[in-house]
C-alpha atoms as a PDB file:
ATOM      1  CA  MET A   1     242.098  89.566 126.116  1.00  0.00           C
ATOM      2  CA  ALA A   2     244.008  92.442 124.506  1.00  0.00           C
ATOM      3  CA  SER A   3     244.659  92.338 120.764  1.00  0.00           C
ATOM      4  CA  VAL A   4     247.909  90.843 119.564  1.00  0.00           C
ATOM      5  CA  THR A   5     250.196  93.299 117.785  1.00  0.00           C
ATOM      6  CA  PRO A   6     253.510  92.611 116.057  1.00  0.00           C
ATOM      7  CA  LEU A   7     256.344  93.216 118.542  1.00  0.00           C
ATOM      8  CA  LYS A   8     259.865  93.337 117.184  1.00  0.00           C
ATOM      9  CA  ALA A   9     261.462  93.934 120.582  1.00  0.00           C
ATOM     10  CA  PRO A  10     259.579  94.264 123.870  1.00  0.00           C
ATOM     11  CA  LYS A  11     260.534  97.391 125.751  1.00  0.00           C
ATOM     12  CA  SER A  12     258.720  96.838 129.049  1.00  0.00           C
ATOM     13  CA  GLU A  13     257.497  94.265 131.528  1.00  0.00           C
ATOM     14  CA  ALA A  14     254.061  94.648 129.975  1.00  0.00           C
ATOM     15  CA  ASP A  15     255.449  93.542 126.614  1.00  0.00           C
ATOM     16  CA  GLU A  16     257.075  90.466 128.179  1.00  0.00           C
ATOM     17  CA  ARG A  17     253.846  89.700 130.013  1.00  0.00           C
ATOM     18  CA  GLN A  18     251.899  89.729 126.727  1.00  0.00           C
ATOM     19  CA  LEU A  19     254.443  87.426 125.109  1.00  0.00           C
ATOM     20  CA  ARG A  20     254.169  85.045 128.056  1.00  0.00           C
ATOM     21  CA  VAL A  21     250.393  84.933 127.722  1.00  0.00           C
ATOM     22  CA  ASP A  22     250.502  84.465 123.952  1.00  0.00           C
ATOM     23  CA  LEU A  23     253.115  81.710 124.027  1.00  0.00           C
ATOM     24  CA  ALA A  24     251.306  79.892 126.852  1.00  0.00           C
ATOM     25  CA  ALA A  25     248.164  80.049 124.744  1.00  0.00           C
ATOM     26  CA  VAL A  26     249.946  78.323 121.849  1.00  0.00           C
ATOM     27  CA  PHE A  27     250.925  75.406 124.081  1.00  0.00           C
ATOM     28  CA  ARG A  28     247.272  74.902 125.040  1.00  0.00           C
ATOM     29  CA  MET A  29     246.183  75.237 121.400  1.00  0.00           C
ATOM     30  CA  ALA A  30     248.791  72.706 120.277  1.00  0.00           C
ATOM     31  CA  ALA A  31     247.573  70.218 122.884  1.00  0.00           C
ATOM     32  CA  ALA A  32     243.949  70.717 121.832  1.00  0.00           C
ATOM     33  CA  LEU A  33     244.887  70.169 118.176  1.00  0.00           C
ATOM     34  CA  GLY A  34     246.841  67.001 118.924  1.00  0.00           C
ATOM     35  CA  TRP A  35     250.240  68.395 117.994  1.00  0.00           C
ATOM     36  CA  HIS A  36     251.872  67.597 121.358  1.00  0.00           C
ATOM     37  CA  GLU A  37     254.007  64.551 122.131  1.00  0.00           C
ATOM     38  CA  ALA A  38     254.056  63.430 125.769  1.00  0.00           C
ATOM     39  CA  VAL A  39     256.170  65.996 127.650  1.00  0.00           C
ATOM     40  CA  ALA A  40     258.500  66.699 124.727  1.00  0.00           C
ATOM     41  CA  ASN A  41     258.791  69.482 122.105  1.00  0.00           C
ATOM     42  CA  HIS A  42     259.281  73.174 122.704  1.00  0.00           C
ATOM     43  CA  PHE A  43     258.116  76.662 121.772  1.00  0.00           C
ATOM     44  CA  SER A  44     260.026  79.879 122.396  1.00  0.00           C
ATOM     45  CA  VAL A  45     259.793  83.609 121.746  1.00  0.00           C
ATOM     46  CA  ALA A  46     262.439  86.330 121.946  1.00  0.00           C
ATOM     47  CA  VAL A  47     262.010  89.190 124.396  1.00  0.00           C
ATOM     48  CA  SER A  48     265.131  91.212 123.554  1.00  0.00           C
ATOM     49  CA  ALA A  49     265.983  93.247 120.482  1.00  0.00           C
ATOM     50  CA  ASP A  50     268.862  90.938 119.518  1.00  0.00           C
ATOM     51  CA  GLY A  51     266.721  87.820 120.035  1.00  0.00           C
ATOM     52  CA  LYS A  52     269.177  86.270 122.466  1.00  0.00           C
ATOM     53  CA  THR A  53     266.932  86.555 125.519  1.00  0.00           C
ATOM     54  CA  PHE A  54     263.863  84.398 125.114  1.00  0.00           C
ATOM     55  CA  LEU A  55     261.013  82.583 126.836  1.00  0.00           C
ATOM     56  CA  MET A  56     260.672  78.798 126.566  1.00  0.00           C
ATOM     57  CA  ASN A  57     258.700  76.037 128.253  1.00  0.00           C
ATOM     58  CA  PRO A  58     260.277  74.248 131.224  1.00  0.00           C
ATOM     59  CA  ARG A  59     261.519  70.689 130.996  1.00  0.00           C
ATOM     60  CA  ARG A  60     259.004  67.842 131.059  1.00  0.00           C
ATOM     61  CA  ARG A  61     255.814  69.882 131.403  1.00  0.00           C
ATOM     62  CA  HIS A  62     252.760  68.835 129.409  1.00  0.00           C
ATOM     63  CA  PHE A  63     251.570  71.425 126.886  1.00  0.00           C
ATOM     64  CA  ALA A  64     248.029  71.262 128.288  1.00  0.00           C
ATOM     65  CA  ARG A  65     249.185  72.492 131.717  1.00  0.00           C
ATOM     66  CA  ILE A  66     251.597  75.271 130.799  1.00  0.00           C
ATOM     67  CA  LYS A  67     250.876  78.748 132.160  1.00  0.00           C
ATOM     68  CA  ALA A  68     252.412  82.105 131.324  1.00  0.00           C
ATOM     69  CA  SER A  69     254.225  82.192 134.678  1.00  0.00           C
ATOM     70  CA  ASP A  70     255.830  78.782 134.026  1.00  0.00           C
ATOM     71  CA  LEU A  71     257.903  79.934 131.069  1.00  0.00           C
ATOM     72  CA  LEU A  72     261.659  80.137 131.567  1.00  0.00           C
ATOM     73  CA  LEU A  73     263.504  83.364 130.738  1.00  0.00           C
ATOM     74  CA  LEU A  74     266.774  82.313 129.095  1.00  0.00           C
ATOM     75  CA  ASP A  75     269.835  83.991 127.594  1.00  0.00           C
ATOM     76  CA  THR A  76     271.745  82.320 124.764  1.00  0.00           C
ATOM     77  CA  ASP A  77     274.984  83.884 126.026  1.00  0.00           C
ATOM     78  CA  ASP A  78     274.613  82.491 129.560  1.00  0.00           C
ATOM     79  CA  PRO A  79     277.113  79.596 129.969  1.00  0.00           C
ATOM     80  CA  GLU A  80     275.526  78.523 133.273  1.00  0.00           C
ATOM     81  CA  THR A  81     272.070  77.812 131.842  1.00  0.00           C
ATOM     82  CA  MET A  82     272.333  74.027 131.754  1.00  0.00           C
ATOM     83  CA  SER A  83     273.917  73.764 135.215  1.00  0.00           C
ATOM     84  CA  ARG A  84     270.956  75.320 137.033  1.00  0.00           C
ATOM     85  CA  PRO A  85     268.304  73.262 138.878  1.00  0.00           C
ATOM     86  CA  ASN A  86     265.608  74.550 136.510  1.00  0.00           C
ATOM     87  CA  ALA A  87     267.686  73.989 133.363  1.00  0.00           C
ATOM     88  CA  PRO A  88     265.651  73.492 130.186  1.00  0.00           C
ATOM     89  CA  ASP A  89     265.695  70.317 128.138  1.00  0.00           C
ATOM     90  CA  ARG A  90     269.145  69.961 126.566  1.00  0.00           C
ATOM     91  CA  SER A  91     267.914  69.428 123.014  1.00  0.00           C
ATOM     92  CA  ALA A  92     265.560  72.402 123.344  1.00  0.00           C
ATOM     93  CA  TRP A  93     268.426  74.581 124.524  1.00  0.00           C
ATOM     94  CA  CYS A  94     270.623  73.446 121.639  1.00  0.00           C
ATOM     95  CA  ILE A  95     267.951  74.050 118.999  1.00  0.00           C
ATOM     96  CA  HIS A  96     266.126  77.138 120.252  1.00  0.00           C
ATOM     97  CA  GLY A  97     269.155  78.805 121.792  1.00  0.00           C
ATOM     98  CA  LYS A  98     271.104  78.626 118.542  1.00  0.00           C
ATOM     99  CA  LEU A  99     268.171  79.691 116.368  1.00  0.00           C
ATOM    100  CA  HIS A 100     267.510  82.747 118.517  1.00  0.00           C
ATOM    101  CA  ALA A 101     271.202  83.612 118.394  1.00  0.00           C
ATOM    102  CA  LEU A 102     271.805  82.980 114.695  1.00  0.00           C
ATOM    103  CA  ALA A 103     268.534  83.439 112.769  1.00  0.00           C
ATOM    104  CA  PRO A 104     267.260  87.038 112.798  1.00  0.00           C
ATOM    105  CA  GLN A 105     263.818  85.987 111.509  1.00  0.00           C
ATOM    106  CA  ALA A 106     263.373  83.544 114.404  1.00  0.00           C
ATOM    107  CA  ARG A 107     261.620  85.773 116.939  1.00  0.00           C
ATOM    108  CA  CYS A 108     259.175  82.960 117.692  1.00  0.00           C
ATOM    109  CA  VAL A 109     260.258  79.336 117.216  1.00  0.00           C
ATOM    110  CA  LEU A 110     257.750  76.463 117.246  1.00  0.00           C
ATOM    111  CA  HIS A 111     259.170  72.938 117.028  1.00  0.00           C
ATOM    112  CA  VAL A 112     256.828  69.947 117.245  1.00  0.00           C
ATOM    113  CA  HIS A 113     256.259  66.427 115.930  1.00  0.00           C
ATOM    114  CA  PRO A 114     252.614  66.724 114.788  1.00  0.00           C
ATOM    115  CA  PRO A 115     251.217  63.588 113.134  1.00  0.00           C
ATOM    116  CA  TYR A 116     250.900  64.624 109.508  1.00  0.00           C
ATOM    117  CA  ALA A 117     253.941  66.891 109.194  1.00  0.00           C
ATOM    118  CA  THR A 118     256.063  64.260 110.909  1.00  0.00           C
ATOM    119  CA  ALA A 119     254.738  61.585 108.540  1.00  0.00           C
ATOM    120  CA  VAL A 120     255.673  63.741 105.548  1.00  0.00           C
ATOM    121  CA  SER A 121     259.110  64.389 107.077  1.00  0.00           C
ATOM    122  CA  CYS A 122     259.712  60.625 106.989  1.00  0.00           C
ATOM    123  CA  LEU A 123     259.220  60.321 103.240  1.00  0.00           C
ATOM    124  CA  ALA A 124     262.124  59.996 100.808  1.00  0.00           C
ATOM    125  CA  ASP A 125     260.788  63.233  99.292  1.00  0.00           C
ATOM    126  CA  PRO A 126     259.426  65.364 102.175  1.00  0.00           C
ATOM    127  CA  GLU A 127     258.518  68.331  99.987  1.00  0.00           C
ATOM    128  CA  ILE A 128     254.972  69.667 100.451  1.00  0.00           C
ATOM    129  CA  LYS A 129     253.599  69.262  96.933  1.00  0.00           C
ATOM    130  CA  PRO A 130     251.311  72.111  95.740  1.00  0.00           C
ATOM    131  CA  ILE A 131     248.127  70.130  95.188  1.00  0.00           C
ATOM    132  CA  ASP A 132     245.645  72.706  96.533  1.00  0.00           C
ATOM    133  CA  GLN A 133     245.450  76.292  97.766  1.00  0.00           C
ATOM    134  CA  ASN A 134     246.810  75.499 101.235  1.00  0.00           C
ATOM    135  CA  THR A 135     249.706  73.298 100.156  1.00  0.00           C
ATOM    136  CA  ALA A 136     250.665  75.939  97.567  1.00  0.00           C
ATOM    137  CA  ARG A 137     251.267  78.320 100.480  1.00  0.00           C
ATOM    138  CA  PHE A 138     254.524  76.434 101.091  1.00  0.00           C
ATOM    139  CA  TYR A 139     255.670  76.003  97.497  1.00  0.00           C
ATOM    140  CA  ASN A 140     259.456  76.521  97.276  1.00  0.00           C
ATOM    141  CA  ARG A 141     259.305  78.143 100.716  1.00  0.00           C
ATOM    142  CA  VAL A 142     260.321  75.325 103.047  1.00  0.00           C
ATOM    143  CA  ALA A 143     263.914  74.402 103.903  1.00  0.00           C
ATOM    144  CA  ILE A 144     264.451  70.642 104.062  1.00  0.00           C
ATOM    145  CA  ASP A 145     266.920  68.940 106.371  1.00  0.00           C
ATOM    146  CA  ARG A 146     267.953  65.538 105.025  1.00  0.00           C
ATOM    147  CA  ASP A 147     270.756  64.867 107.511  1.00  0.00           C
ATOM    148  CA  TYR A 148     269.055  63.807 110.739  1.00  0.00           C
ATOM    149  CA  GLY A 149     271.711  62.401 113.038  1.00  0.00           C
ATOM    150  CA  GLY A 150     269.887  61.686 116.280  1.00  0.00           C
ATOM    151  CA  ILE A 151     268.638  63.774 119.188  1.00  0.00           C
ATOM    152  CA  ALA A 152     269.882  67.360 118.898  1.00  0.00           C
ATOM    153  CA  ASP A 153     271.619  67.542 122.267  1.00  0.00           C
ATOM    154  CA  HIS A 154     274.769  69.421 121.305  1.00  0.00           C
ATOM    155  CA  ALA A 155     275.402  72.993 120.172  1.00  0.00           C
ATOM    156  CA  ALA A 156     276.848  71.996 116.804  1.00  0.00           C
ATOM    157  CA  GLU A 157     273.521  70.450 115.814  1.00  0.00           C
ATOM    158  CA  GLY A 158     271.663  73.647 116.639  1.00  0.00           C
ATOM    159  CA  GLU A 159     274.133  75.599 114.532  1.00  0.00           C
ATOM    160  CA  ARG A 160     273.686  73.131 111.664  1.00  0.00           C
ATOM    161  CA  LEU A 161     269.897  73.467 111.780  1.00  0.00           C
ATOM    162  CA  ALA A 162     270.212  77.264 111.710  1.00  0.00           C
ATOM    163  CA  ARG A 163     272.339  76.964 108.571  1.00  0.00           C
ATOM    164  CA  VAL A 164     269.834  74.617 106.916  1.00  0.00           C
ATOM    165  CA  LEU A 165     266.971  76.997 107.747  1.00  0.00           C
ATOM    166  CA  GLY A 166     268.918  79.847 106.139  1.00  0.00           C
ATOM    167  CA  ASN A 167     266.640  82.803 105.466  1.00  0.00           C
ATOM    168  CA  LYS A 168     263.460  80.715 105.320  1.00  0.00           C
ATOM    169  CA  THR A 169     260.820  80.472 108.040  1.00  0.00           C
ATOM    170  CA  ARG A 170     259.868  76.779 107.791  1.00  0.00           C
ATOM    171  CA  LEU A 171     262.095  73.751 108.221  1.00  0.00           C
ATOM    172  CA  MET A 172     260.960  70.250 107.350  1.00  0.00           C
ATOM    173  CA  MET A 173     263.188  68.199 109.624  1.00  0.00           C
ATOM    174  CA  GLY A 174     263.685  64.921 107.785  1.00  0.00           C
ATOM    175  CA  ASN A 175     262.899  61.826 109.905  1.00  0.00           C
ATOM    176  CA  HIS A 176     262.082  64.152 112.781  1.00  0.00           C
ATOM    177  CA  GLY A 177     259.255  66.696 112.565  1.00  0.00           C
ATOM    178  CA  VAL A 178     258.841  70.324 111.679  1.00  0.00           C
ATOM    179  CA  LEU A 179     259.977  73.757 112.824  1.00  0.00           C
ATOM    180  CA  VAL A 180     258.375  77.117 112.057  1.00  0.00           C
ATOM    181  CA  VAL A 181     259.725  80.569 112.898  1.00  0.00           C
ATOM    182  CA  ALA A 182     258.092  83.984 112.584  1.00  0.00           C
ATOM    183  CA  GLU A 183     258.215  87.577 113.734  1.00  0.00           C
ATOM    184  CA  THR A 184     255.309  87.109 116.144  1.00  0.00           C
ATOM    185  CA  VAL A 185     253.632  84.337 118.105  1.00  0.00           C
ATOM    186  CA  ALA A 186     250.383  84.769 116.161  1.00  0.00           C
ATOM    187  CA  GLU A 187     252.097  84.432 112.778  1.00  0.00           C
ATOM    188  CA  ALA A 188     254.097  81.398 113.869  1.00  0.00           C
ATOM    189  CA  PHE A 189     251.007  79.598 115.178  1.00  0.00           C
ATOM    190  CA  HIS A 190     248.986  80.430 112.063  1.00  0.00           C
ATOM    191  CA  ASP A 191     251.743  79.183 109.763  1.00  0.00           C
ATOM    192  CA  LEU A 192     252.206  75.960 111.719  1.00  0.00           C
ATOM    193  CA  TYR A 193     248.444  75.406 111.626  1.00  0.00           C
ATOM    194  CA  TYR A 194     248.410  75.620 107.829  1.00  0.00           C
ATOM    195  CA  LEU A 195     251.539  73.520 107.486  1.00  0.00           C
ATOM    196  CA  GLU A 196     250.031  70.646 109.477  1.00  0.00           C
ATOM    197  CA  ARG A 197     246.741  70.980 107.568  1.00  0.00           C
ATOM    198  CA  SER A 198     248.643  70.896 104.286  1.00  0.00           C
ATOM    199  CA  CYS A 199     250.516  67.758 105.293  1.00  0.00           C
ATOM    200  CA  GLN A 200     247.198  66.198 106.278  1.00  0.00           C
ATOM    201  CA  THR A 201     245.743  66.981 102.839  1.00  0.00           C
ATOM    202  CA  LEU A 202     248.843  65.633 101.115  1.00  0.00           C
ATOM    203  CA  THR A 203     248.793  62.423 103.173  1.00  0.00           C
ATOM    204  CA  LEU A 204     245.080  61.833 102.572  1.00  0.00           C
ATOM    205  CA  ALA A 205     245.476  62.480  98.841  1.00  0.00           C
ATOM    206  CA  ARG A 206     248.295  59.938  98.660  1.00  0.00           C
ATOM    207  CA  SER A 207     246.182  57.393 100.548  1.00  0.00           C
ATOM    208  CA  ASN A 208     243.827  57.216  97.545  1.00  0.00           C
ATOM    209  CA  ASN A 209     246.552  55.271  95.722  1.00  0.00           C
ATOM    210  CA  ALA A 210     246.149  57.492  92.673  1.00  0.00           C
ATOM    211  CA  PRO A 211     248.580  59.995  91.099  1.00  0.00           C
ATOM    212  CA  LEU A 212     248.714  63.466  92.618  1.00  0.00           C
ATOM    213  CA  ASN A 213     247.695  66.433  90.479  1.00  0.00           C
ATOM    214  CA  PRO A 214     250.195  69.189  91.408  1.00  0.00           C
ATOM    215  CA  LEU A 215     249.493  72.763  90.341  1.00  0.00           C
ATOM    216  CA  PRO A 216     251.649  74.142  87.519  1.00  0.00           C
ATOM    217  CA  HIS A 217     254.717  76.059  88.657  1.00  0.00           C
ATOM    218  CA  GLU A 218     253.271  79.464  87.710  1.00  0.00           C
ATOM    219  CA  THR A 219     250.008  78.844  89.564  1.00  0.00           C
ATOM    220  CA  ALA A 220     251.712  77.432  92.647  1.00  0.00           C
ATOM    221  CA  GLU A 221     254.175  80.323  92.770  1.00  0.00           C
ATOM    222  CA  SER A 222     251.508  83.012  92.352  1.00  0.00           C
ATOM    223  CA  THR A 223     249.337  81.342  95.003  1.00  0.00           C
ATOM    224  CA  ALA A 224     252.230  81.195  97.468  1.00  0.00           C
ATOM    225  CA  GLU A 225     252.922  84.875  96.836  1.00  0.00           C
ATOM    226  CA  ALA A 226     249.236  85.748  97.239  1.00  0.00           C
ATOM    227  CA  TRP A 227     249.231  84.195 100.699  1.00  0.00           C
ATOM    228  CA  THR A 228     251.686  86.883 101.870  1.00  0.00           C
ATOM    229  CA  LYS A 229     248.944  89.490 101.468  1.00  0.00           C
ATOM    230  CA  TYR A 230     246.754  87.804 104.077  1.00  0.00           C
ATOM    231  CA  THR A 231     248.889  88.403 107.174  1.00  0.00           C
ATOM    232  CA  ASP A 232     245.994  90.010 109.066  1.00  0.00           C
ATOM    233  CA  SER A 233     244.239  86.649 109.141  1.00  0.00           C
ATOM    234  CA  ALA A 234     246.967  85.298 111.422  1.00  0.00           C
ATOM    235  CA  TYR A 235     246.008  87.776 114.134  1.00  0.00           C
ATOM    236  CA  ALA A 236     242.284  87.208 113.671  1.00  0.00           C
ATOM    237  CA  HIS A 237     242.815  83.434 113.846  1.00  0.00           C
ATOM    238  CA  PHE A 238     244.959  83.733 116.977  1.00  0.00           C
ATOM    239  CA  GLU A 239     242.452  86.003 118.727  1.00  0.00           C
ATOM    240  CA  GLU A 240     239.635  83.578 117.971  1.00  0.00           C
ATOM    241  CA  MET A 241     241.651  80.659 119.312  1.00  0.00           C
ATOM    242  CA  LYS A 242     242.438  82.594 122.496  1.00  0.00           C
ATOM    243  CA  ALA A 243     238.757  83.452 122.889  1.00  0.00           C
ATOM    244  CA  ILE A 244     237.961  79.723 122.735  1.00  0.00           C
ATOM    245  CA  LEU A 245     240.601  79.078 125.385  1.00  0.00           C
ATOM    246  CA  ASP A 246     239.196  81.841 127.582  1.00  0.00           C
ATOM    247  CA  GLU A 247     235.763  80.237 127.434  1.00  0.00           C
ATOM    248  CA  LYS A 248     237.062  76.770 128.344  1.00  0.00           C
ATOM    249  CA  ASP A 249     240.054  77.322 130.619  1.00  0.00           C
ATOM    250  CA  PRO A 250     241.710  80.749 130.952  1.00  0.00           C
ATOM    251  CA  SER A 251     244.347  79.433 133.359  1.00  0.00           C
ATOM    252  CA  TYR A 252     246.990  79.584 130.594  1.00  0.00           C
ATOM    253  CA  ALA A 253     247.255  83.337 131.236  1.00  0.00           C
ATOM    254  CA  GLU A 254     248.126  82.968 134.938  1.00  0.00           C
END
């Protein structure tokens, strides 16, 4: 499998093909890691310079079966999208369509309800406390939505979520789940991986029924900043995960 490189705006069919393969791989990875939820949740990645044309999984397809050729090519400015026979899930269209249209940093958008992040999202205080090196990665760097109002099946809700996200790249969706955006598929997957791991650590630490021991502000802040210097690890991690997929079932790339 070819190396993943940061793509700001694909300029050829080959670029779109690579994005299809990479995004399909993330669906398989998410299923293997237990992040999936029946035939719900959605991932998307922009294929145009303005972000408005993007790939997303079709409606009601299990993550473990998604292939590169299955992904829908959608346009946020197309008013006929939801009237077509192969229309995407309405909530996915409302969330991902608006994020790709309104959030410049949202080249790749991963929205799931993984067990630990979702559990943390249900707390009165869903902040990821900086209690270790991994949780400190997210210190003061996660937008929190505290106004869940039901299934996001209308455009106004997608616009609201884009406003709550602001210029951040992670959104803890209160009483709902989590959403991560990034410039590339590899970076988005890597960040979501660490976010779910961090929520697992936080949940397990709380289960000891003893007080947490958060890092001091200065240490947590410097650790979060230090993480930004390790971007190459996202690509190495993603390549290793794809290599594992290739050994077990390379059909995701079809």
